[in-house]
Structures are given as structure tokens and as C-alpha cells.
C-alpha atoms as a PDB file:
ATOM      1  CA  MET A   1      11.558  -5.486   5.749  1.00  0.00           C
ATOM      2  CA  ARG A   2       9.431  -5.908   8.928  1.00  0.00           C
ATOM      3  CA  PRO A   3       5.938  -4.608   7.191  1.00  0.00           C
ATOM      4  CA  GLN A   4       4.124  -5.971  10.666  1.00  0.00           C
ATOM      5  CA  VAL A   5       6.359  -3.341  12.362  1.00  0.00           C
ATOM      6  CA  ILE A   6       5.320  -0.544  10.388  1.00  0.00           C
ATOM      7  CA  ILE A   7       1.333  -1.277  10.400  1.00  0.00           C
ATOM      8  CA  VAL A   8       1.094  -2.205  14.044  1.00  0.00           C
ATOM      9  CA  ALA A   9       2.748   1.174  14.597  1.00  0.00           C
ATOM     10  CA  THR A  10       0.030   3.213  12.167  1.00  0.00           C
ATOM     11  CA  LEU A  11      -2.273   1.732  14.177  1.00  0.00           C
ATOM     12  CA  LEU A  12      -1.033   2.721  17.582  1.00  0.00           C
ATOM     13  CA  LEU A  13       0.000   6.278  15.910  1.00  0.00           C
ATOM     14  CA  ASN A  14      -3.776   6.545  14.965  1.00  0.00           C
ATOM     15  CA  ALA A  15      -5.577   5.831  17.321  1.00  0.00           C
ATOM     16  CA  ALA A  16      -4.109   8.587  20.017  1.00  0.00           C
ATOM     17  CA  LEU A  17      -4.441  10.907  16.923  1.00  0.00           C
ATOM     18  CA  PHE A  18      -7.895   9.851  16.656  1.00  0.00           C
ATOM     19  CA  LEU A  19      -9.020  10.152  20.025  1.00  0.00           C
ATOM     20  CA  ALA A  20      -7.362  13.495  19.977  1.00  0.00           C
ATOM     21  CA  ASN A  21      -8.704  14.773  16.810  1.00  0.00           C
ATOM     22  CA  LEU A  22     -12.052  13.827  17.563  1.00  0.00           C
ATOM     23  CA  ALA A  23     -12.229  15.751  21.348  1.00  0.00           C
ATOM     24  CA  VAL A  24     -10.861  19.025  19.527  1.00  0.00           C
ATOM     25  CA  ALA A  25     -13.557  18.596  16.992  1.00  0.00           C
ATOM     26  CA  LEU A  26     -16.356  18.482  19.204  1.00  0.00           C
ATOM     27  CA  LEU A  27     -14.896  20.862  21.510  1.00  0.00           C
ATOM     28  CA  SER A  28     -15.011  23.607  18.946  1.00  0.00           C
ATOM     29  CA  GLY A  29     -17.014  22.679  16.032  1.00  0.00           C
ATOM     30  CA  SER A  30     -13.826  22.706  13.433  1.00  0.00           C
ATOM     31  CA  ARG A  31     -15.127  21.442  10.213  1.00  0.00           C
ATOM     32  CA  THR A  32     -11.289  20.708   9.098  1.00  0.00           C
ATOM     33  CA  VAL A  33     -10.547  19.074  12.851  1.00  0.00           C
ATOM     34  CA  LEU A  34     -13.188  16.759  11.979  1.00  0.00           C
ATOM     35  CA  ALA A  35     -11.738  16.053   8.558  1.00  0.00           C
ATOM     36  CA  GLN A  36      -8.980  15.070  10.547  1.00  0.00           C
ATOM     37  CA  ALA A  37     -10.853  12.911  12.751  1.00  0.00           C
ATOM     38  CA  ILE A  38     -12.434  10.635  10.147  1.00  0.00           C
ATOM     39  CA  TYR A  39      -9.745  10.920   8.232  1.00  0.00           C
ATOM     40  CA  THR A  40      -7.121   8.969  11.270  1.00  0.00           C
ATOM     41  CA  VAL A  41     -10.392   6.220  12.194  1.00  0.00           C
ATOM     42  CA  THR A  42     -10.444   5.252   8.753  1.00  0.00           C
ATOM     43  CA  ASP A  43      -6.660   5.293   8.664  1.00  0.00           C
ATOM     44  CA  LEU A  44      -6.999   3.052  11.765  1.00  0.00           C
ATOM     45  CA  VAL A  45      -9.488   0.520  10.136  1.00  0.00           C
ATOM     46  CA  GLY A  46      -7.285   0.625   6.968  1.00  0.00           C
ATOM     47  CA  SER A  47      -4.502  -0.287   9.241  1.00  0.00           C
ATOM     48  CA  ALA A  48      -6.289  -2.931  10.551  1.00  0.00           C
ATOM     49  CA  LEU A  49      -7.309  -4.690   7.543  1.00  0.00           C
ATOM     50  CA  LEU A  50      -3.558  -4.597   6.287  1.00  0.00           C
ATOM     51  CA  LEU A  51      -2.229  -6.214   9.401  1.00  0.00           C
ATOM     52  CA  TRP A  52      -5.510  -8.904   8.592  1.00  0.00           C
ATOM     53  CA  GLY A  53      -4.422  -9.615   5.207  1.00  0.00           C
ATOM     54  CA  LEU A  54      -0.342  -9.612   6.257  1.00  0.00           C
ATOM     55  CA  HIS A  55      -2.393 -12.654   8.711  1.00  0.00           C
ATOM     56  CA  VAL A  56      -4.184 -14.497   7.144  1.00  0.00           C
ATOM     57  CA  SER A  57      -1.563 -14.549   3.737  1.00  0.00           C
ATOM     58  CA  ARG A  58       0.469 -16.437   5.208  1.00  0.00           C
ATOM     59  CA  ARG A  59      -1.848 -19.216   5.948  1.00  0.00           C
ATOM     60  CA  PRO A  60      -0.640 -22.527   4.221  1.00  0.00           C
ATOM     61  CA  ALA A  61      -1.645 -23.682   0.672  1.00  0.00           C
ATOM     62  CA  ASP A  62      -3.994 -26.595   0.553  1.00  0.00           C
ATOM     63  CA  TYR A  63      -6.610 -28.076  -1.557  1.00  0.00           C
ATOM     64  CA  LEU A  64      -8.516 -24.798  -2.684  1.00  0.00           C
ATOM     65  CA  TYR A  65      -5.876 -22.440  -2.642  1.00  0.00           C
ATOM     66  CA  PRO A  66      -2.988 -24.574  -4.383  1.00  0.00           C
ATOM     67  CA  PHE A  67      -0.813 -21.976  -4.869  1.00  0.00           C
ATOM     68  CA  GLY A  68      -1.452 -20.311  -1.178  1.00  0.00           C
ATOM     69  CA  ARG A  69      -3.218 -17.216  -0.233  1.00  0.00           C
ATOM     70  CA  GLY A  70      -0.929 -14.581  -1.079  1.00  0.00           C
ATOM     71  CA  LYS A  71      -2.940 -12.125  -2.735  1.00  0.00           C
ATOM     72  CA  GLU A  72      -4.783 -11.633   0.614  1.00  0.00           C
ATOM     73  CA  ARG A  73      -2.451  -8.881   1.088  1.00  0.00           C
ATOM     74  CA  PHE A  74      -3.857  -7.668  -2.304  1.00  0.00           C
ATOM     75  CA  PHE A  75      -7.428  -7.596  -1.686  1.00  0.00           C
ATOM     76  CA  TRP A  76      -7.033  -6.638   1.898  1.00  0.00           C
ATOM     77  CA  ALA A  77      -4.855  -3.388   0.293  1.00  0.00           C
ATOM     78  CA  PHE A  78      -7.483  -2.648  -1.553  1.00  0.00           C
ATOM     79  CA  VAL A  79     -10.349  -2.239   0.732  1.00  0.00           C
ATOM     80  CA  SER A  80      -8.005  -0.713   3.106  1.00  0.00           C
ATOM     81  CA  ILE A  81      -7.606   2.011   0.148  1.00  0.00           C
ATOM     82  CA  LEU A  82     -11.064   2.267  -0.383  1.00  0.00           C
ATOM     83  CA  ILE A  83     -11.886   2.914   3.153  1.00  0.00           C
ATOM     84  CA  THR A  84      -9.087   5.211   3.851  1.00  0.00           C
ATOM     85  CA  PHE A  85      -8.931   7.686   1.084  1.00  0.00           C
ATOM     86  CA  THR A  86     -12.455   7.125  -0.590  1.00  0.00           C
ATOM     87  CA  THR A  87     -14.855   6.795   2.115  1.00  0.00           C
ATOM     88  CA  ALA A  88     -12.742   9.245   4.151  1.00  0.00           C
ATOM     89  CA  GLY A  89     -12.367  12.260   1.454  1.00  0.00           C
ATOM     90  CA  ILE A  90     -15.863  11.858   0.335  1.00  0.00           C
ATOM     91  CA  ILE A  91     -17.091  12.555   4.222  1.00  0.00           C
ATOM     92  CA  ALA A  92     -14.917  15.333   4.271  1.00  0.00           C
ATOM     93  CA  LEU A  93     -15.937  16.979   1.085  1.00  0.00           C
ATOM     94  CA  VAL A  94     -19.458  16.868   2.261  1.00  0.00           C
ATOM     95  CA  THR A  95     -18.962  18.048   5.527  1.00  0.00           C
ATOM     96  CA  GLY A  96     -17.062  20.878   3.892  1.00  0.00           C
ATOM     97  CA  PHE A  97     -18.911  22.290   1.771  1.00  0.00           C
ATOM     98  CA  GLU A  98     -22.187  21.757   4.234  1.00  0.00           C
ATOM     99  CA  GLN A  99     -19.612  24.394   6.758  1.00  0.00           C
ATOM    100  CA  ALA A 100     -18.421  26.353   3.266  1.00  0.00           C
ATOM    101  CA  ILE A 101     -22.259  27.341   2.229  1.00  0.00           C
ATOM    102  CA  SER A 102     -24.123  27.366   5.867  1.00  0.00           C
ATOM    103  CA  PRO A 103     -20.498  28.637   8.024  1.00  0.00           C
ATOM    104  CA  ALA A 104     -21.121  27.812  11.605  1.00  0.00           C
ATOM    105  CA  PRO A 105     -18.722  30.068  14.363  1.00  0.00           C
ATOM    106  CA  ILE A 106     -16.097  27.594  15.630  1.00  0.00           C
ATOM    107  CA  HIS A 107     -14.554  27.816  19.243  1.00  0.00           C
ATOM    108  CA  HIS A 108     -11.018  26.791  20.535  1.00  0.00           C
ATOM    109  CA  ILE A 109      -9.109  27.409  17.427  1.00  0.00           C
ATOM    110  CA  GLY A 110      -5.480  27.259  19.334  1.00  0.00           C
ATOM    111  CA  ASP A 111      -6.673  23.307  20.231  1.00  0.00           C
ATOM    112  CA  GLY A 112      -6.857  23.031  17.078  1.00  0.00           C
ATOM    113  CA  LEU A 113      -4.356  24.067  16.121  1.00  0.00           C
ATOM    114  CA  ILE A 114      -2.009  22.210  18.366  1.00  0.00           C
ATOM    115  CA  VAL A 115      -3.830  18.815  17.356  1.00  0.00           C
ATOM    116  CA  ILE A 116      -3.143  19.771  14.237  1.00  0.00           C
ATOM    117  CA  ALA A 117       0.408  20.301  14.619  1.00  0.00           C
ATOM    118  CA  ALA A 118       0.279  16.782  16.892  1.00  0.00           C
ATOM    119  CA  SER A 119      -0.765  14.690  13.765  1.00  0.00           C
ATOM    120  CA  LEU A 120       2.041  16.517  11.728  1.00  0.00           C
ATOM    121  CA  ALA A 121       4.267  15.415  13.866  1.00  0.00           C
ATOM    122  CA  VAL A 122       2.966  11.941  13.611  1.00  0.00           C
ATOM    123  CA  SER A 123       3.087  11.288  10.369  1.00  0.00           C
ATOM    124  CA  ILE A 124       6.569  12.736  10.118  1.00  0.00           C
ATOM    125  CA  GLY A 125       6.869  10.043  12.561  1.00  0.00           C
ATOM    126  CA  GLY A 126       5.173   7.406  10.678  1.00  0.00           C
ATOM    127  CA  ILE A 127       7.984   8.457   7.892  1.00  0.00           C
ATOM    128  CA  LEU A 128      10.428   8.288   9.886  1.00  0.00           C
ATOM    129  CA  ILE A 129       9.576   4.772  10.438  1.00  0.00           C
ATOM    130  CA  THR A 130       9.540   3.366   7.015  1.00  0.00           C
ATOM    131  CA  LEU A 131      12.617   4.947   6.542  1.00  0.00           C
ATOM    132  CA  ARG A 132      14.012   2.989   8.835  1.00  0.00           C
ATOM    133  CA  GLU A 133      12.449  -0.396   8.571  1.00  0.00           C
ATOM    134  CA  LEU A 134      13.607   0.066   5.027  1.00  0.00           C
ATOM    135  CA  ARG A 135      17.465   0.856   5.565  1.00  0.00           C
ATOM    136  CA  VAL A 136      17.158  -2.191   8.434  1.00  0.00           C
ATOM    137  CA  SER A 137      16.012  -4.556   5.289  1.00  0.00           C
ATOM    138  CA  ARG A 138      18.794  -2.196   2.957  1.00  0.00           C
ATOM    139  CA  SER A 139      16.130  -1.395   0.807  1.00  0.00           C
ATOM    140  CA  THR A 140      15.315   2.031  -0.888  1.00  0.00           C
ATOM    141  CA  LEU A 141      12.223   4.354  -0.409  1.00  0.00           C
ATOM    142  CA  GLN A 142      12.275   3.703  -4.931  1.00  0.00           C
ATOM    143  CA  ALA A 143      11.872   0.041  -4.297  1.00  0.00           C
ATOM    144  CA  LEU A 144       9.004   0.283  -2.247  1.00  0.00           C
ATOM    145  CA  LEU A 145       7.112   2.539  -4.529  1.00  0.00           C
ATOM    146  CA  GLU A 146       7.874   0.166  -7.381  1.00  0.00           C
ATOM    147  CA  SER A 147       7.017  -3.107  -5.462  1.00  0.00           C
ATOM    148  CA  ALA A 148       3.879  -4.829  -5.606  1.00  0.00           C
ATOM    149  CA  ASN A 149       3.642  -4.471  -1.727  1.00  0.00           C
ATOM    150  CA  GLN A 150       0.502  -2.358  -1.924  1.00  0.00           C
ATOM    151  CA  GLY A 151      -0.012  -2.388   1.880  1.00  0.00           C
ATOM    152  CA  LEU A 152       3.045  -0.397   2.893  1.00  0.00           C
ATOM    153  CA  LYS A 153       2.642   2.118  -0.494  1.00  0.00           C
ATOM    154  CA  SER A 154      -0.471   3.046   1.222  1.00  0.00           C
ATOM    155  CA  ILE A 155       0.719   3.543   4.434  1.00  0.00           C
ATOM    156  CA  PHE A 156       3.020   5.564   3.013  1.00  0.00           C
ATOM    157  CA  TYR A 157       0.988   7.888   1.052  1.00  0.00           C
ATOM    158  CA  GLN A 158      -1.307   8.385   3.833  1.00  0.00           C
ATOM    159  CA  ASP A 159       0.967   9.806   6.029  1.00  0.00           C
ATOM    160  CA  LEU A 160       2.223  12.265   2.821  1.00  0.00           C
ATOM    161  CA  VAL A 161      -1.657  12.958   2.683  1.00  0.00           C
ATOM    162  CA  THR A 162      -1.789  13.568   6.416  1.00  0.00           C
ATOM    163  CA  ILE A 163       1.167  15.903   6.240  1.00  0.00           C
ATOM    164  CA  ALA A 164      -0.195  17.502   2.911  1.00  0.00           C
ATOM    165  CA  GLY A 165      -3.938  17.832   4.875  1.00  0.00           C
ATOM    166  CA  CYS A 166      -2.025  18.983   8.176  1.00  0.00           C
ATOM    167  CA  ILE A 167      -0.589  22.017   6.098  1.00  0.00           C
ATOM    168  CA  VAL A 168      -3.945  22.723   4.505  1.00  0.00           C
ATOM    169  CA  ALA A 169      -5.563  23.204   7.847  1.00  0.00           C
ATOM    170  CA  PHE A 170      -2.761  24.634   9.631  1.00  0.00           C
ATOM    171  CA  GLY A 171      -3.571  27.384   6.984  1.00  0.00           C
ATOM    172  CA  GLY A 172      -6.695  27.337   6.956  1.00  0.00           C
ATOM    173  CA  LEU A 173      -7.584  27.659  10.559  1.00  0.00           C
ATOM    174  CA  LEU A 174      -5.266  30.412  11.027  1.00  0.00           C
ATOM    175  CA  VAL A 175      -7.339  32.305   8.500  1.00  0.00           C
ATOM    176  CA  VAL A 176     -10.244  31.684  10.768  1.00  0.00           C
ATOM    177  CA  PHE A 177      -8.836  32.881  13.451  1.00  0.00           C
ATOM    178  CA  ARG A 178      -7.422  36.190  12.240  1.00  0.00           C
ATOM    179  CA  THR A 179     -10.104  36.874   9.859  1.00  0.00           C
ATOM    180  CA  SER A 180     -13.667  35.259  11.473  1.00  0.00           C
ATOM    181  CA  LEU A 181     -14.593  33.923   8.129  1.00  0.00           C
ATOM    182  CA  PHE A 182     -15.442  30.009   9.461  1.00  0.00           C
ATOM    183  CA  TRP A 183     -16.209  28.941   5.880  1.00  0.00           C
ATOM    184  CA  VAL A 184     -12.715  29.168   5.093  1.00  0.00           C
ATOM    185  CA  ASP A 185     -12.828  25.965   7.846  1.00  0.00           C
ATOM    186  CA  GLY A 186     -15.322  24.195   5.552  1.00  0.00           C
ATOM    187  CA  LEU A 187     -13.160  24.915   2.058  1.00  0.00           C
ATOM    188  CA  THR A 188      -9.682  24.022   4.101  1.00  0.00           C
ATOM    189  CA  ALA A 189     -12.051  20.261   4.978  1.00  0.00           C
ATOM    190  CA  ALA A 190     -12.773  20.120   1.065  1.00  0.00           C
ATOM    191  CA  ILE A 191      -9.481  20.432  -0.078  1.00  0.00           C
ATOM    192  CA  GLU A 192      -8.502  17.851   2.263  1.00  0.00           C
ATOM    193  CA  GLY A 193     -11.157  15.439   1.074  1.00  0.00           C
ATOM    194  CA  PHE A 194      -9.912  16.224  -2.460  1.00  0.00           C
ATOM    195  CA  LEU A 195      -6.805  15.081  -1.557  1.00  0.00           C
ATOM    196  CA  LEU A 196      -7.860  11.928  -0.231  1.00  0.00           C
ATOM    197  CA  VAL A 197      -9.794  10.911  -2.924  1.00  0.00           C
ATOM    198  CA  GLY A 198      -7.686  12.243  -5.770  1.00  0.00           C
ATOM    199  CA  THR A 199      -5.216   9.525  -4.184  1.00  0.00           C
ATOM    200  CA  GLY A 200      -7.669   6.984  -3.336  1.00  0.00           C
ATOM    201  CA  PHE A 201      -8.090   6.730  -7.295  1.00  0.00           C
ATOM    202  CA  LEU A 202      -4.533   6.092  -7.807  1.00  0.00           C
ATOM    203  CA  LEU A 203      -3.570   3.789  -5.701  1.00  0.00           C
ATOM    204  CA  THR A 204      -7.373   1.826  -6.414  1.00  0.00           C
ATOM    205  CA  ALA A 205      -5.735   1.896 -10.260  1.00  0.00           C
ATOM    206  CA  GLU A 206      -2.934   0.425  -9.560  1.00  0.00           C
ATOM    207  CA  SER A 207      -4.370  -2.172  -6.880  1.00  0.00           C
ATOM    208  CA  ARG A 208      -6.318  -3.246  -9.899  1.00  0.00           C
ATOM    209  CA  GLU A 209      -3.449  -4.294 -11.895  1.00  0.00           C
ATOM    210  CA  TYR A 210      -1.888  -6.899  -8.860  1.00  0.00           C
ATOM    211  CA  LEU A 211      -6.040  -8.125  -8.403  1.00  0.00           C
ATOM    212  CA  ILE A 212      -5.965  -9.070 -11.574  1.00  0.00           C
ATOM    213  CA  GLY A 213      -2.931 -10.762 -12.011  1.00  0.00           C
ATOM    214  CA  ARG A 214      -0.061  -8.833 -12.825  1.00  0.00           C
ATOM    215  CA  ALA A 215       3.076 -10.200 -14.329  1.00  0.00           C
ATOM    216  CA  LEU A 216       6.660  -9.683 -13.792  1.00  0.00           C
ATOM    217  CA  ALA A 217       8.247  -6.790 -14.687  1.00  0.00           C
ATOM    218  CA  PRO A 218       9.899  -7.117 -17.832  1.00  0.00           C
ATOM    219  CA  ASP A 219      13.575  -6.283 -16.980  1.00  0.00           C
ATOM    220  CA  VAL A 220      12.749  -9.899 -14.489  1.00  0.00           C
ATOM    221  CA  ALA A 221      11.500 -11.354 -16.446  1.00  0.00           C
ATOM    222  CA  ARG A 222      14.266 -11.096 -19.005  1.00  0.00           C
ATOM    223  CA  ALA A 223      16.842 -11.798 -16.475  1.00  0.00           C
ATOM    224  CA  LEU A 224      14.888 -14.883 -15.370  1.00  0.00           C
ATOM    225  CA  LEU A 225      15.193 -15.814 -19.035  1.00  0.00           C
ATOM    226  CA  GLY A 226      19.193 -15.348 -19.498  1.00  0.00           C
ATOM    227  CA  VAL A 227      19.516 -17.845 -16.263  1.00  0.00           C
ATOM    228  CA  VAL A 228      17.820 -20.822 -18.397  1.00  0.00           C
ATOM    229  CA  GLU A 229      18.961 -19.791 -21.946  1.00  0.00           C
ATOM    230  CA  ARG A 230      22.545 -19.958 -20.306  1.00  0.00           C
ATOM    231  CA  ASP A 231      21.542 -24.132 -19.587  1.00  0.00           C
ATOM    232  CA  PRO A 232      23.294 -25.679 -22.113  1.00  0.00           C
ATOM    233  CA  ARG A 233      20.958 -28.572 -22.033  1.00  0.00           C
ATOM    234  CA  VAL A 234      18.557 -26.016 -23.418  1.00  0.00           C
ATOM    235  CA  GLY A 235      17.893 -25.406 -26.863  1.00  0.00           C
ATOM    236  CA  ARG A 236      14.839 -22.813 -26.608  1.00  0.00           C
ATOM    237  CA  VAL A 237      12.359 -21.389 -24.287  1.00  0.00           C
ATOM    238  CA  ARG A 238       8.981 -21.315 -26.096  1.00  0.00           C
ATOM    239  CA  SER A 239       7.067 -19.432 -23.276  1.00  0.00           C
ATOM    240  CA  LEU A 240       7.458 -17.446 -20.245  1.00  0.00           C
ATOM    241  CA  GLN A 241       4.566 -16.708 -18.250  1.00  0.00           C
ATOM    242  CA  SER A 242       4.628 -15.393 -14.414  1.00  0.00           C
ATOM    243  CA  MET A 243       2.451 -13.726 -12.132  1.00  0.00           C
ATOM    244  CA  LEU A 244       2.740 -11.852  -8.846  1.00  0.00           C
ATOM    245  CA  LEU A 245       0.626 -13.959  -6.189  1.00  0.00           C
ATOM    246  CA  GLY A 246       1.641 -11.170  -3.484  1.00  0.00           C
ATOM    247  CA  PRO A 247       4.122  -9.124  -2.312  1.00  0.00           C
ATOM    248  CA  ASP A 248       6.590 -11.393  -1.987  1.00  0.00           C
ATOM    249  CA  ASP A 249       5.178 -14.424  -3.896  1.00  0.00           C
ATOM    250  CA  ALA A 250       5.209 -15.078  -7.542  1.00  0.00           C
ATOM    251  CA  LEU A 251       4.398 -18.162  -9.853  1.00  0.00           C
ATOM    252  CA  LEU A 252       6.420 -18.667 -13.361  1.00  0.00           C
ATOM    253  CA  ALA A 253       5.670 -20.950 -15.758  1.00  0.00           C
ATOM    254  CA  LEU A 254       8.175 -22.063 -18.999  1.00  0.00           C
ATOM    255  CA  ARG A 255       7.828 -24.300 -22.166  1.00  0.00           C
ATOM    256  CA  ILE A 256      11.175 -25.142 -22.727  1.00  0.00           C
ATOM    257  CA  ASN A 257      12.535 -26.838 -26.029  1.00  0.00           C
ATOM    258  CA  PHE A 258      14.879 -29.471 -24.481  1.00  0.00           C
ATOM    259  CA  HIS A 259      18.141 -30.371 -27.174  1.00  0.00           C
ATOM    260  CA  ASP A 260      16.787 -33.639 -28.573  1.00  0.00           C
ATOM    261  CA  ASP A 261      19.854 -36.417 -27.133  1.00  0.00           C
ATOM    262  CA  LEU A 262      18.867 -35.497 -23.572  1.00  0.00           C
ATOM    263  CA  LYS A 263      17.145 -38.825 -22.068  1.00  0.00           C
ATOM    264  CA  THR A 264      14.272 -38.596 -19.651  1.00  0.00           C
ATOM    265  CA  ASP A 265      16.485 -38.625 -16.209  1.00  0.00           C
ATOM    266  CA  GLN A 266      18.592 -35.839 -18.186  1.00  0.00           C
ATOM    267  CA  ILE A 267      15.627 -33.707 -18.855  1.00  0.00           C
ATOM    268  CA  GLU A 268      13.998 -34.233 -15.230  1.00  0.00           C
ATOM    269  CA  THR A 269      17.600 -33.180 -13.258  1.00  0.00           C
ATOM    270  CA  ALA A 270      18.361 -30.409 -16.267  1.00  0.00           C
ATOM    271  CA  ILE A 271      14.171 -29.017 -14.469  1.00  0.00           C
ATOM    272  CA  ASP A 272      15.387 -29.744 -10.822  1.00  0.00           C
ATOM    273  CA  GLU A 273      18.621 -27.947 -11.576  1.00  0.00           C
ATOM    274  CA  ILE A 274      16.872 -24.663 -13.451  1.00  0.00           C
ATOM    275  CA  THR A 275      14.591 -25.024 -10.633  1.00  0.00           C
ATOM    276  CA  PHE A 276      17.051 -24.450  -8.382  1.00  0.00           C
ATOM    277  CA  SER A 277      19.033 -21.362 -10.262  1.00  0.00           C
ATOM    278  CA  LEU A 278      15.954 -19.408 -10.882  1.00  0.00           C
ATOM    279  CA  LYS A 279      14.939 -19.637  -7.098  1.00  0.00           C
ATOM    280  CA  HIS A 280      18.212 -18.936  -5.953  1.00  0.00           C
ATOM    281  CA  SER A 281      18.328 -15.942  -8.532  1.00  0.00           C
ATOM    282  CA  TYR A 282      14.910 -14.951  -7.223  1.00  0.00           C
ATOM    283  CA  PRO A 283      13.924 -15.682  -3.905  1.00  0.00           C
ATOM    284  CA  VAL A 284      10.007 -14.277  -4.728  1.00  0.00           C
ATOM    285  CA  LEU A 285       9.446 -17.539  -7.185  1.00  0.00           C
ATOM    286  CA  ARG A 286       7.961 -19.730  -4.725  1.00  0.00           C
ATOM    287  CA  HIS A 287       6.143 -21.754  -7.464  1.00  0.00           C
ATOM    288  CA  ILE A 288       7.639 -22.890 -10.760  1.00  0.00           C
ATOM    289  CA  ILE A 289       6.442 -25.038 -13.248  1.00  0.00           C
ATOM    290  CA  ILE A 290       8.243 -25.894 -16.214  1.00  0.00           C
ATOM    291  CA  GLU A 291       7.003 -28.441 -19.043  1.00  0.00           C
ATOM    292  CA  PRO A 292       9.428 -29.726 -21.300  1.00  0.00           C
ATOM    293  CA  GLU A 293       9.703 -30.389 -24.830  1.00  0.00           C
ATOM    294  CA  SER A 294      11.651 -32.602 -26.751  1.00  0.00           C
END
């Protein structure tokens, strides 16, 4: 998959959406459309942070960062989630409650409906771009959602939340248009805020695991253990420890008890061949440490 394609496409689409939503929000005074504008601008900032994280994560390893900087993508995805979902959601909640408690008239509702429909279309287009990239990379949506790629997952959830928010916003503005109940405009914005904050909490909790140092999935660990134990020179694997250093970067540390009749050079050869087999079976393993035991 090409994450930069999805992120850049999201940046461009959100820039256009922000300008359209902000113009209509200022023209109409609708808090619902303003909530859409707030979300798109925070989404824009969040996508820029994801792009920055992708860039800095590719810096080579050095003395201070011997295993590289793959976790930069986890960190900037975490910051992006906080800004995009939590901050935008809280602002939308506050502005929505203000309108619901002290309703102010709104105008140009037709323009608001048009820009919300455009936001809905763009969000559907964003999902289609993600699905196309998955198809090109011969991956699946389930694999993406189960992966450690927090940045791309947050973009996918952004589009889903935007679609849900657009449906709510469109319905709310239609009610206002037919009934002139302006407090419904505030209630709609508050519902959008709840959607954003709720999604933000879920994604933040998942990001925490990767920032702390989550291990490889148990089924992957068992498969790797099988690769090692199939080697006839291995007596027993004493321990297997792993850590995800990035969406496509993992560390594996093994303590292996080799058969006693092996000489030092034979053990070294065995370590090299086991390392090659592990990297061949699971290319994400970029760092493998094997401690031999006699």
C-alpha cells in the first residue's frame, strides 16, 4: 500500500471542503455547517501530521535511535487523532450547545445542504481511494483494520465519521428548513461532536498500546516460533520477545538452546540461516536478536 497517496489525497480534499464549509457557515450562521468546517480543518492538520510522521519515520538509524524511528508514525498518528477527533469534537459540542440553548436564526439553508452533500461525496471518494490502494497492494480492509497502521486507520475512520456526521447534519438542516426550529441546528452540531469525541477515545486507546510497545500478534509469534523450531540444530527456544517499532517494522529477540554437539562456527551459521528464514517468512522483521545457549 502507498500511505502517502491516501494522506495527500485526504489533504487536498479536506482543504477544498474546509473553504466551502467555512464560507457557507459564515454566510448562513449555521452551527451545523460550522461543525463541519471545524472538523475539516482539524482533519487537514491531522493529515499533515500523518504525512510528517511518515517522512521522519524513514530517517536512518543512528546512535541515539539504533532501531530507527518507526515509532514516529505511532506518535504522530496519536497526535493527529487527538487534534482531528477530540479537539474538533469538543469545539463542535460547545458551539452546538450554545445554539441549542440560545438559538439564533440561520439563513441560506440551501447552500448548507449543498456543501454538506459535497462533503458526503468527498468522504465517500476518500473511502474509495483507500479501497483502491488496498486492492492495488493485494490487501483487504480487514487486514488494514487489524494492522498497526494507525495513520491509515484514522483516515478511514475519519471518512466514516464524516459520512455519519453529514447524514445527521443533512437531516438536521432539513428539519430547520421545514420547521424553523433553530435549536435543532445546535443539537445537530452537538451530535456531530459526540460522534467525533467517541471515535477519538476509541482510537486513542488503541494508539496507546503501540506507543507503549505492543508485541506481535500471538498467531504471528506462534508461526515464527514454528520456523525456528523446525531447524534441526535447535534444541529449544527459551524465550521469544517482540515489539512493533512501526506499522511495517518489528523487533524480535530470541534465546535459543542449540544442540550441545555444535561448534561455535556452526552456531553462527545456524543463527544467520534462522535470521534469513525469519525475515523471509515475515518481512516486517527488520531487527532480529538471537542469543544462543549451549
